[in-house]
Protein backbone atom coordinates (compact mmCIF):
# COMPACT_ATOMS: atom_id res chain seq x y z
CA UNK A 1 0.00 0.00 0.00
CA UNK A 2 1.40 3.34 -1.04
CA UNK A 3 1.61 5.99 1.66
CA UNK A 4 0.38 9.39 0.59
CA UNK A 5 1.52 12.64 2.12
CA UNK A 6 -1.15 14.80 3.63
CA UNK A 7 -1.60 18.35 2.48
CA UNK A 8 -1.10 21.23 4.84
CA UNK A 9 -4.31 22.28 6.63
CA UNK A 10 -3.97 25.82 5.24
CA UNK A 11 -3.90 24.44 1.69
CA UNK A 12 -7.07 22.45 2.32
CA UNK A 13 -8.86 25.53 3.69
CA UNK A 14 -7.72 27.58 0.71
CA UNK A 15 -9.62 25.19 -1.58
CA UNK A 16 -12.85 25.41 0.43
CA UNK A 17 -14.64 28.04 -1.65
CA UNK A 18 -13.81 26.26 -4.91
CA UNK A 19 -14.90 22.90 -3.51
CA UNK A 20 -18.23 24.23 -2.22
CA UNK A 21 -19.56 24.49 -5.76
CA UNK A 22 -18.34 20.99 -6.62
CA UNK A 23 -19.83 19.51 -3.43
CA UNK A 24 -23.10 21.36 -4.06
CA UNK A 25 -23.24 19.88 -7.56
CA UNK A 26 -22.62 16.38 -6.17
CA UNK A 27 -25.34 16.76 -3.54
CA UNK A 28 -27.93 18.10 -5.99
CA UNK A 29 -28.21 14.62 -7.48
CA UNK A 30 -28.95 12.90 -4.15
CA UNK A 31 -27.83 12.85 -0.51
CA UNK A 32 -24.40 11.25 -0.11
CA UNK A 33 -21.98 10.07 2.56
CA UNK A 34 -18.49 11.51 2.98
CA UNK A 35 -16.83 8.50 1.28
CA UNK A 36 -19.24 8.79 -1.67
CA UNK A 37 -18.52 12.50 -2.08
CA UNK A 38 -14.77 11.91 -1.76
CA UNK A 39 -14.86 9.26 -4.46
CA UNK A 40 -16.90 11.46 -6.79
CA UNK A 41 -14.58 14.44 -6.32
CA UNK A 42 -11.37 12.42 -6.33
CA UNK A 43 -10.16 13.88 -3.02
CA UNK A 44 -9.33 12.20 0.30
CA UNK A 45 -12.22 11.78 2.73
CA UNK A 46 -10.44 13.78 5.46
CA UNK A 47 -10.30 16.85 3.19
CA UNK A 48 -13.94 16.41 2.17
CA UNK A 49 -14.88 16.22 5.85
CA UNK A 50 -13.25 19.61 6.51
CA UNK A 51 -15.10 21.22 3.58
CA UNK A 52 -18.43 19.63 4.55
CA UNK A 53 -18.19 20.78 8.15
CA UNK A 54 -17.54 24.32 6.92
CA UNK A 55 -20.64 24.10 4.75
CA UNK A 56 -22.63 22.65 7.65
CA UNK A 57 -21.49 25.45 9.97
CA UNK A 58 -22.62 27.96 7.31
CA UNK A 59 -26.04 26.31 7.08
CA UNK A 60 -25.64 25.16 3.48
CA UNK A 61 -26.02 21.44 4.19
CA UNK A 62 -27.63 19.21 6.79
CA UNK A 63 -27.16 15.59 7.75
CA UNK A 64 -29.94 13.06 7.48
CA UNK A 65 -30.72 10.72 10.38
CA UNK A 66 -28.84 7.42 10.27
CA UNK A 67 -30.75 4.20 9.67
CA UNK A 68 -28.43 2.13 11.84
CA UNK A 69 -25.79 3.10 14.38
CA UNK A 70 -22.97 1.81 12.15
CA UNK A 71 -24.08 3.75 9.06
CA UNK A 72 -22.42 6.89 7.77
CA UNK A 73 -24.39 10.12 7.91
CA UNK A 74 -25.72 11.24 4.55
CA UNK A 75 -25.56 14.92 3.77
CA UNK A 76 -27.99 16.94 1.69
CA UNK A 77 -28.35 20.55 0.64
CA UNK A 78 -30.35 22.65 3.08
CA UNK A 79 -32.61 23.95 0.29
CA UNK A 80 -33.69 20.35 -0.44
CA UNK A 81 -34.79 20.08 3.19
CA UNK A 82 -37.02 23.15 2.87
CA UNK A 83 -38.74 21.79 -0.26
CA UNK A 84 -39.81 18.57 1.49
């Protein structure tokens, strides 16, 4: 297994505004988990987590309730929540 080097936290935060539009586009199709979003974007899950929590703090996304305790949370756009 190849070990990858992690990017500096400041570099990850610098990409946040650019990644918001890409994450929003991914979530417009359907609610997704962090690993699903990471795979779609081609970025590590730990970076996606940082961007998602920034979007959650800003009120742009919300997590759905988990079906089982071991499941991942699925995230959706806040505007989808208001339409339901």
